[in-house]
Amino acid sequence: FQKHEFFVDMTCEGCSNAVTRVLHRLGGVNFDIDLPNKKVCIDSEHNVDTLLETLKKTGKNASYLGEKSAQ
């Protein structure tokens, strides 16, 4: 799977919980949320458009930062 990094304008735990909820609903994703840096790193078979649309369902401003090379 490809690891993708997204910016999501999260300001609190509630925001990161909303992100967790929509991603769990989508399914087929492993992800890490970096609240202080407002980043969500997603490991998934879904394409970027699907992931971005899903993140936008939180009502937060979201954008794609790029692929993250697997360390």
PDB file of N, CA and C in Angstrom:
ATOM      1  N   PHE A   1       0.842  -1.203   0.000  1.00  0.00           N
ATOM      2  CA  PHE A   1       0.000   0.000   0.000  1.00  0.00           C
ATOM      3  C   PHE A   1       0.870   1.244   0.000  1.00  0.00           C
ATOM      4  N   GLN A   2       0.294   2.292  -0.505  1.00  0.00           N
ATOM      5  CA  GLN A   2       0.985   3.572  -0.551  1.00  0.00           C
ATOM      6  C   GLN A   2       0.643   4.346   0.715  1.00  0.00           C
ATOM      7  N   LYS A   3       1.650   5.046   1.234  1.00  0.00           N
ATOM      8  CA  LYS A   3       1.403   5.894   2.400  1.00  0.00           C
ATOM      9  C   LYS A   3       1.225   7.321   1.899  1.00  0.00           C
ATOM     10  N   HIS A   4       0.132   7.935   2.279  1.00  0.00           N
ATOM     11  CA  HIS A   4      -0.165   9.293   1.845  1.00  0.00           C
ATOM     12  C   HIS A   4      -0.256  10.215   3.044  1.00  0.00           C
ATOM     13  N   GLU A   5       0.208  11.442   2.851  1.00  0.00           N
ATOM     14  CA  GLU A   5       0.155  12.413   3.928  1.00  0.00           C
ATOM     15  C   GLU A   5      -0.810  13.538   3.565  1.00  0.00           C
ATOM     16  N   PHE A   6      -1.686  13.853   4.492  1.00  0.00           N
ATOM     17  CA  PHE A   6      -2.672  14.898   4.264  1.00  0.00           C
ATOM     18  C   PHE A   6      -2.599  15.943   5.364  1.00  0.00           C
ATOM     19  N   PHE A   7      -2.939  17.180   4.991  1.00  0.00           N
ATOM     20  CA  PHE A   7      -3.099  18.249   5.965  1.00  0.00           C
ATOM     21  C   PHE A   7      -4.581  18.298   6.288  1.00  0.00           C
ATOM     22  N   VAL A   8      -4.918  18.304   7.575  1.00  0.00           N
ATOM     23  CA  VAL A   8      -6.312  18.501   7.976  1.00  0.00           C
ATOM     24  C   VAL A   8      -6.295  19.540   9.089  1.00  0.00           C
ATOM     25  N   ASP A   9      -7.130  20.555   8.950  1.00  0.00           N
ATOM     26  CA  ASP A   9      -7.121  21.661   9.911  1.00  0.00           C
ATOM     27  C   ASP A   9      -7.784  21.267  11.229  1.00  0.00           C
ATOM     28  N   MET A  10      -7.060  20.469  12.013  1.00  0.00           N
ATOM     29  CA  MET A  10      -7.581  19.977  13.298  1.00  0.00           C
ATOM     30  C   MET A  10      -7.044  20.854  14.422  1.00  0.00           C
ATOM     31  N   THR A  11      -7.930  21.243  15.323  1.00  0.00           N
ATOM     32  CA  THR A  11      -7.492  22.101  16.424  1.00  0.00           C
ATOM     33  C   THR A  11      -7.603  21.434  17.786  1.00  0.00           C
ATOM     34  N   CYS A  12      -8.322  20.304  17.843  1.00  0.00           N
ATOM     35  CA  CYS A  12      -8.544  19.686  19.150  1.00  0.00           C
ATOM     36  C   CYS A  12      -8.780  18.191  19.013  1.00  0.00           C
ATOM     37  N   GLU A  13      -8.941  17.538  20.152  1.00  0.00           N
ATOM     38  CA  GLU A  13      -9.231  16.099  20.183  1.00  0.00           C
ATOM     39  C   GLU A  13     -10.498  15.785  19.405  1.00  0.00           C
ATOM     40  N   GLY A  14     -11.490  16.653  19.513  1.00  0.00           N
ATOM     41  CA  GLY A  14     -12.753  16.445  18.812  1.00  0.00           C
ATOM     42  C   GLY A  14     -12.530  16.343  17.313  1.00  0.00           C
ATOM     43  N   CYS A  15     -11.624  17.205  16.800  1.00  0.00           N
ATOM     44  CA  CYS A  15     -11.312  17.186  15.365  1.00  0.00           C
ATOM     45  C   CYS A  15     -10.657  15.868  14.976  1.00  0.00           C
ATOM     46  N   SER A  16      -9.691  15.433  15.752  1.00  0.00           N
ATOM     47  CA  SER A  16      -8.994  14.192  15.414  1.00  0.00           C
ATOM     48  C   SER A  16      -9.939  12.994  15.567  1.00  0.00           C
ATOM     49  N   ASN A  17     -10.888  13.082  16.510  1.00  0.00           N
ATOM     50  CA  ASN A  17     -11.873  12.003  16.664  1.00  0.00           C
ATOM     51  C   ASN A  17     -12.781  11.935  15.443  1.00  0.00           C
ATOM     52  N   ALA A  18     -13.113  13.100  14.882  1.00  0.00           N
ATOM     53  CA  ALA A  18     -13.959  13.157  13.685  1.00  0.00           C
ATOM     54  C   ALA A  18     -13.227  12.493  12.522  1.00  0.00           C
ATOM     55  N   VAL A  19     -11.932  12.758  12.412  1.00  0.00           N
ATOM     56  CA  VAL A  19     -11.109  12.151  11.354  1.00  0.00           C
ATOM     57  C   VAL A  19     -11.085  10.633  11.528  1.00  0.00           C
ATOM     58  N   THR A  20     -10.874  10.194  12.769  1.00  0.00           N
ATOM     59  CA  THR A  20     -10.858   8.764  13.069  1.00  0.00           C
ATOM     60  C   THR A  20     -12.172   8.112  12.663  1.00  0.00           C
ATOM     61  N   ARG A  21     -13.287   8.780  13.000  1.00  0.00           N
ATOM     62  CA  ARG A  21     -14.610   8.241  12.661  1.00  0.00           C
ATOM     63  C   ARG A  21     -14.813   8.056  11.161  1.00  0.00           C
ATOM     64  N   VAL A  22     -14.526   9.091  10.362  1.00  0.00           N
ATOM     65  CA  VAL A  22     -14.779   8.976   8.916  1.00  0.00           C
ATOM     66  C   VAL A  22     -13.856   7.950   8.264  1.00  0.00           C
ATOM     67  N   LEU A  23     -12.621   7.839   8.763  1.00  0.00           N
ATOM     68  CA  LEU A  23     -11.692   6.868   8.183  1.00  0.00           C
ATOM     69  C   LEU A  23     -12.099   5.438   8.539  1.00  0.00           C
ATOM     70  N   HIS A  24     -12.594   5.240   9.765  1.00  0.00           N
ATOM     71  CA  HIS A  24     -13.057   3.907  10.153  1.00  0.00           C
ATOM     72  C   HIS A  24     -14.272   3.500   9.332  1.00  0.00           C
ATOM     73  N   ARG A  25     -15.134   4.489   9.033  1.00  0.00           N
ATOM     74  CA  ARG A  25     -16.325   4.221   8.246  1.00  0.00           C
ATOM     75  C   ARG A  25     -15.932   3.809   6.822  1.00  0.00           C
ATOM     76  N   LEU A  26     -14.909   4.457   6.288  1.00  0.00           N
ATOM     77  CA  LEU A  26     -14.422   4.119   4.948  1.00  0.00           C
ATOM     78  C   LEU A  26     -13.849   2.708   4.940  1.00  0.00           C
ATOM     79  N   GLY A  27     -13.060   2.390   5.949  1.00  0.00           N
ATOM     80  CA  GLY A  27     -12.467   1.060   6.063  1.00  0.00           C
ATOM     81  C   GLY A  27     -11.260   0.878   5.145  1.00  0.00           C
ATOM     82  N   GLY A  28     -10.505  -0.171   5.404  1.00  0.00           N
ATOM     83  CA  GLY A  28      -9.337  -0.477   4.580  1.00  0.00           C
ATOM     84  C   GLY A  28      -8.205   0.525   4.719  1.00  0.00           C
ATOM     85  N   VAL A  29      -8.129   1.162   5.880  1.00  0.00           N
ATOM     86  CA  VAL A  29      -7.081   2.157   6.100  1.00  0.00           C
ATOM     87  C   VAL A  29      -6.351   1.925   7.418  1.00  0.00           C
ATOM     88  N   ASN A  30      -5.055   2.214   7.414  1.00  0.00           N
ATOM     89  CA  ASN A  30      -4.276   2.315   8.646  1.00  0.00           C
ATOM     90  C   ASN A  30      -3.831   3.762   8.649  1.00  0.00           C
ATOM     91  N   PHE A  31      -3.919   4.412   9.774  1.00  0.00           N
ATOM     92  CA  PHE A  31      -3.550   5.826   9.773  1.00  0.00           C
ATOM     93  C   PHE A  31      -2.990   6.293  11.103  1.00  0.00           C
ATOM     94  N   ASP A  32      -2.219   7.365  11.028  1.00  0.00           N
ATOM     95  CA  ASP A  32      -1.679   8.026  12.212  1.00  0.00           C
ATOM     96  C   ASP A  32      -2.106   9.469  12.134  1.00  0.00           C
ATOM     97  N   ILE A  33      -2.569   9.996  13.253  1.00  0.00           N
ATOM     98  CA  ILE A  33      -2.963  11.397  13.296  1.00  0.00           C
ATOM     99  C   ILE A  33      -1.942  12.164  14.114  1.00  0.00           C
ATOM    100  N   ASP A  34      -1.397  13.211  13.506  1.00  0.00           N
ATOM    101  CA  ASP A  34      -0.440  14.087  14.175  1.00  0.00           C
ATOM    102  C   ASP A  34      -1.162  15.412  14.417  1.00  0.00           C
ATOM    103  N   LEU A  35      -1.847  15.483  15.567  1.00  0.00           N
ATOM    104  CA  LEU A  35      -2.669  16.650  15.878  1.00  0.00           C
ATOM    105  C   LEU A  35      -1.878  17.959  15.944  1.00  0.00           C
ATOM    106  N   PRO A  36      -0.740  18.015  16.657  1.00  0.00           N
ATOM    107  CA  PRO A  36       0.000  19.282  16.747  1.00  0.00           C
ATOM    108  C   PRO A  36       0.390  19.844  15.371  1.00  0.00           C
ATOM    109  N   ASN A  37       0.738  18.964  14.433  1.00  0.00           N
ATOM    110  CA  ASN A  37       1.155  19.423  13.108  1.00  0.00           C
ATOM    111  C   ASN A  37       0.028  19.373  12.078  1.00  0.00           C
ATOM    112  N   LYS A  38      -1.170  19.001  12.550  1.00  0.00           N
ATOM    113  CA  LYS A  38      -2.355  18.950  11.682  1.00  0.00           C
ATOM    114  C   LYS A  38      -2.139  18.062  10.464  1.00  0.00           C
ATOM    115  N   LYS A  39      -1.529  16.911  10.700  1.00  0.00           N
ATOM    116  CA  LYS A  39      -1.274  15.986   9.603  1.00  0.00           C
ATOM    117  C   LYS A  39      -1.908  14.636   9.876  1.00  0.00           C
ATOM    118  N   VAL A  40      -2.359  14.002   8.795  1.00  0.00           N
ATOM    119  CA  VAL A  40      -2.886  12.643   8.889  1.00  0.00           C
ATOM    120  C   VAL A  40      -2.132  11.821   7.866  1.00  0.00           C
ATOM    121  N   CYS A  41      -1.493  10.755   8.330  1.00  0.00           N
ATOM    122  CA  CYS A  41      -0.739   9.880   7.440  1.00  0.00           C
ATOM    123  C   CYS A  41      -1.560   8.611   7.261  1.00  0.00           C
ATOM    124  N   ILE A  42      -1.932   8.318   6.016  1.00  0.00           N
ATOM    125  CA  ILE A  42      -2.817   7.189   5.743  1.00  0.00           C
ATOM    126  C   ILE A  42      -2.152   6.146   4.848  1.00  0.00           C
ATOM    127  N   ASP A  43      -2.267   4.917   5.285  1.00  0.00           N
ATOM    128  CA  ASP A  43      -1.728   3.762   4.591  1.00  0.00           C
ATOM    129  C   ASP A  43      -2.946   3.017   4.047  1.00  0.00           C
ATOM    130  N   SER A  44      -3.180   3.060   2.724  1.00  0.00           N
ATOM    131  CA  SER A  44      -4.424   2.530   2.210  1.00  0.00           C
ATOM    132  C   SER A  44      -4.380   2.124   0.747  1.00  0.00           C
ATOM    133  N   GLU A  45      -5.339   1.269   0.361  1.00  0.00           N
ATOM    134  CA  GLU A  45      -5.454   0.877  -1.037  1.00  0.00           C
ATOM    135  C   GLU A  45      -6.368   1.852  -1.783  1.00  0.00           C
ATOM    136  N   HIS A  46      -7.052   2.723  -1.040  1.00  0.00           N
ATOM    137  CA  HIS A  46      -7.928   3.721  -1.668  1.00  0.00           C
ATOM    138  C   HIS A  46      -7.082   4.777  -2.363  1.00  0.00           C
ATOM    139  N   ASN A  47      -7.632   5.384  -3.418  1.00  0.00           N
ATOM    140  CA  ASN A  47      -6.857   6.430  -4.084  1.00  0.00           C
ATOM    141  C   ASN A  47      -6.952   7.747  -3.315  1.00  0.00           C
ATOM    142  N   VAL A  48      -6.091   8.666  -3.690  1.00  0.00           N
ATOM    143  CA  VAL A  48      -5.985   9.949  -2.990  1.00  0.00           C
ATOM    144  C   VAL A  48      -7.302  10.716  -2.994  1.00  0.00           C
ATOM    145  N   ASP A  49      -8.004  10.706  -4.147  1.00  0.00           N
ATOM    146  CA  ASP A  49      -9.266  11.436  -4.231  1.00  0.00           C
ATOM    147  C   ASP A  49     -10.280  10.935  -3.213  1.00  0.00           C
ATOM    148  N   THR A  50     -10.385   9.615  -3.102  1.00  0.00           N
ATOM    149  CA  THR A  50     -11.318   9.012  -2.147  1.00  0.00           C
ATOM    150  C   THR A  50     -10.947   9.404  -0.721  1.00  0.00           C
ATOM    151  N   LEU A  51      -9.655   9.332  -0.412  1.00  0.00           N
ATOM    152  CA  LEU A  51      -9.195   9.664   0.946  1.00  0.00           C
ATOM    153  C   LEU A  51      -9.451  11.132   1.259  1.00  0.00           C
ATOM    154  N   LEU A  52      -9.190  12.000   0.279  1.00  0.00           N
ATOM    155  CA  LEU A  52      -9.380  13.437   0.495  1.00  0.00           C
ATOM    156  C   LEU A  52     -10.862  13.759   0.688  1.00  0.00           C
ATOM    157  N   GLU A  53     -11.720  13.164  -0.139  1.00  0.00           N
ATOM    158  CA  GLU A  53     -13.169  13.370   0.002  1.00  0.00           C
ATOM    159  C   GLU A  53     -13.626  12.922   1.386  1.00  0.00           C
ATOM    160  N   THR A  54     -13.091  11.789   1.832  1.00  0.00           N
ATOM    161  CA  THR A  54     -13.446  11.255   3.142  1.00  0.00           C
ATOM    162  C   THR A  54     -13.027  12.212   4.249  1.00  0.00           C
ATOM    163  N   LEU A  55     -11.798  12.727   4.171  1.00  0.00           N
ATOM    164  CA  LEU A  55     -11.317  13.667   5.186  1.00  0.00           C
ATOM    165  C   LEU A  55     -12.153  14.947   5.193  1.00  0.00           C
ATOM    166  N   LYS A  56     -12.617  15.359   4.025  1.00  0.00           N
ATOM    167  CA  LYS A  56     -13.411  16.592   3.933  1.00  0.00           C
ATOM    168  C   LYS A  56     -14.793  16.422   4.542  1.00  0.00           C
ATOM    169  N   LYS A  57     -15.225  15.162   4.722  1.00  0.00           N
ATOM    170  CA  LYS A  57     -16.524  14.912   5.353  1.00  0.00           C
ATOM    171  C   LYS A  57     -16.528  15.374   6.798  1.00  0.00           C
ATOM    172  N   THR A  58     -15.361  15.604   7.372  1.00  0.00           N
ATOM    173  CA  THR A  58     -15.299  16.093   8.752  1.00  0.00           C
ATOM    174  C   THR A  58     -15.702  17.563   8.802  1.00  0.00           C
ATOM    175  N   GLY A  59     -15.778  18.225   7.639  1.00  0.00           N
ATOM    176  CA  GLY A  59     -16.097  19.653   7.615  1.00  0.00           C
ATOM    177  C   GLY A  59     -14.847  20.503   7.800  1.00  0.00           C
ATOM    178  N   LYS A  60     -13.701  19.836   7.909  1.00  0.00           N
ATOM    179  CA  LYS A  60     -12.435  20.552   8.088  1.00  0.00           C
ATOM    180  C   LYS A  60     -11.792  20.793   6.729  1.00  0.00           C
ATOM    181  N   ASN A  61     -10.948  21.800   6.680  1.00  0.00           N
ATOM    182  CA  ASN A  61     -10.166  22.080   5.489  1.00  0.00           C
ATOM    183  C   ASN A  61      -9.113  20.974   5.392  1.00  0.00           C
ATOM    184  N   ALA A  62      -9.056  20.292   4.257  1.00  0.00           N
ATOM    185  CA  ALA A  62      -8.096  19.192   4.090  1.00  0.00           C
ATOM    186  C   ALA A  62      -7.404  19.311   2.734  1.00  0.00           C
ATOM    187  N   SER A  63      -6.135  18.938   2.688  1.00  0.00           N
ATOM    188  CA  SER A  63      -5.423  18.928   1.412  1.00  0.00           C
ATOM    189  C   SER A  63      -4.366  17.830   1.404  1.00  0.00           C
ATOM    190  N   TYR A  64      -4.005  17.432   0.196  1.00  0.00           N
ATOM    191  CA  TYR A  64      -3.039  16.339   0.027  1.00  0.00           C
ATOM    192  C   TYR A  64      -1.623  16.894   0.021  1.00  0.00           C
ATOM    193  N   LEU A  65      -0.767  16.350   0.878  1.00  0.00           N
ATOM    194  CA  LEU A  65       0.605  16.827   0.960  1.00  0.00           C
ATOM    195  C   LEU A  65       1.559  16.013   0.076  1.00  0.00           C
ATOM    196  N   GLY A  66       1.217  14.772  -0.166  1.00  0.00           N
ATOM    197  CA  GLY A  66       2.079  13.940  -1.004  1.00  0.00           C
ATOM    198  C   GLY A  66       2.311  12.559  -0.450  1.00  0.00           C
ATOM    199  N   GLU A  67       3.042  11.771  -1.216  1.00  0.00           N
ATOM    200  CA  GLU A  67       3.332  10.411  -0.778  1.00  0.00           C
ATOM    201  C   GLU A  67       4.421  10.453   0.279  1.00  0.00           C
ATOM    202  N   LYS A  68       4.291   9.574   1.225  1.00  0.00           N
ATOM    203  CA  LYS A  68       5.306   9.477   2.264  1.00  0.00           C
ATOM    204  C   LYS A  68       6.068   8.194   1.985  1.00  0.00           C
ATOM    205  N   SER A  69       7.354   8.320   1.841  1.00  0.00           N
ATOM    206  CA  SER A  69       8.146   7.119   1.560  1.00  0.00           C
ATOM    207  C   SER A  69       8.180   6.244   2.788  1.00  0.00           C
ATOM    208  N   ALA A  70       7.945   4.967   2.599  1.00  0.00           N
ATOM    209  CA  ALA A  70       7.942   4.035   3.726  1.00  0.00           C
ATOM    210  C   ALA A  70       9.362   3.942   4.260  1.00  0.00           C
ATOM    211  N   GLN A  71       9.504   4.190   5.544  1.00  0.00           N
ATOM    212  CA  GLN A  71      10.834   4.145   6.164  1.00  0.00           C
ATOM    213  C   GLN A  71      11.180   2.703   6.479  1.00  0.00           C
TER     214      GLN A  71
END
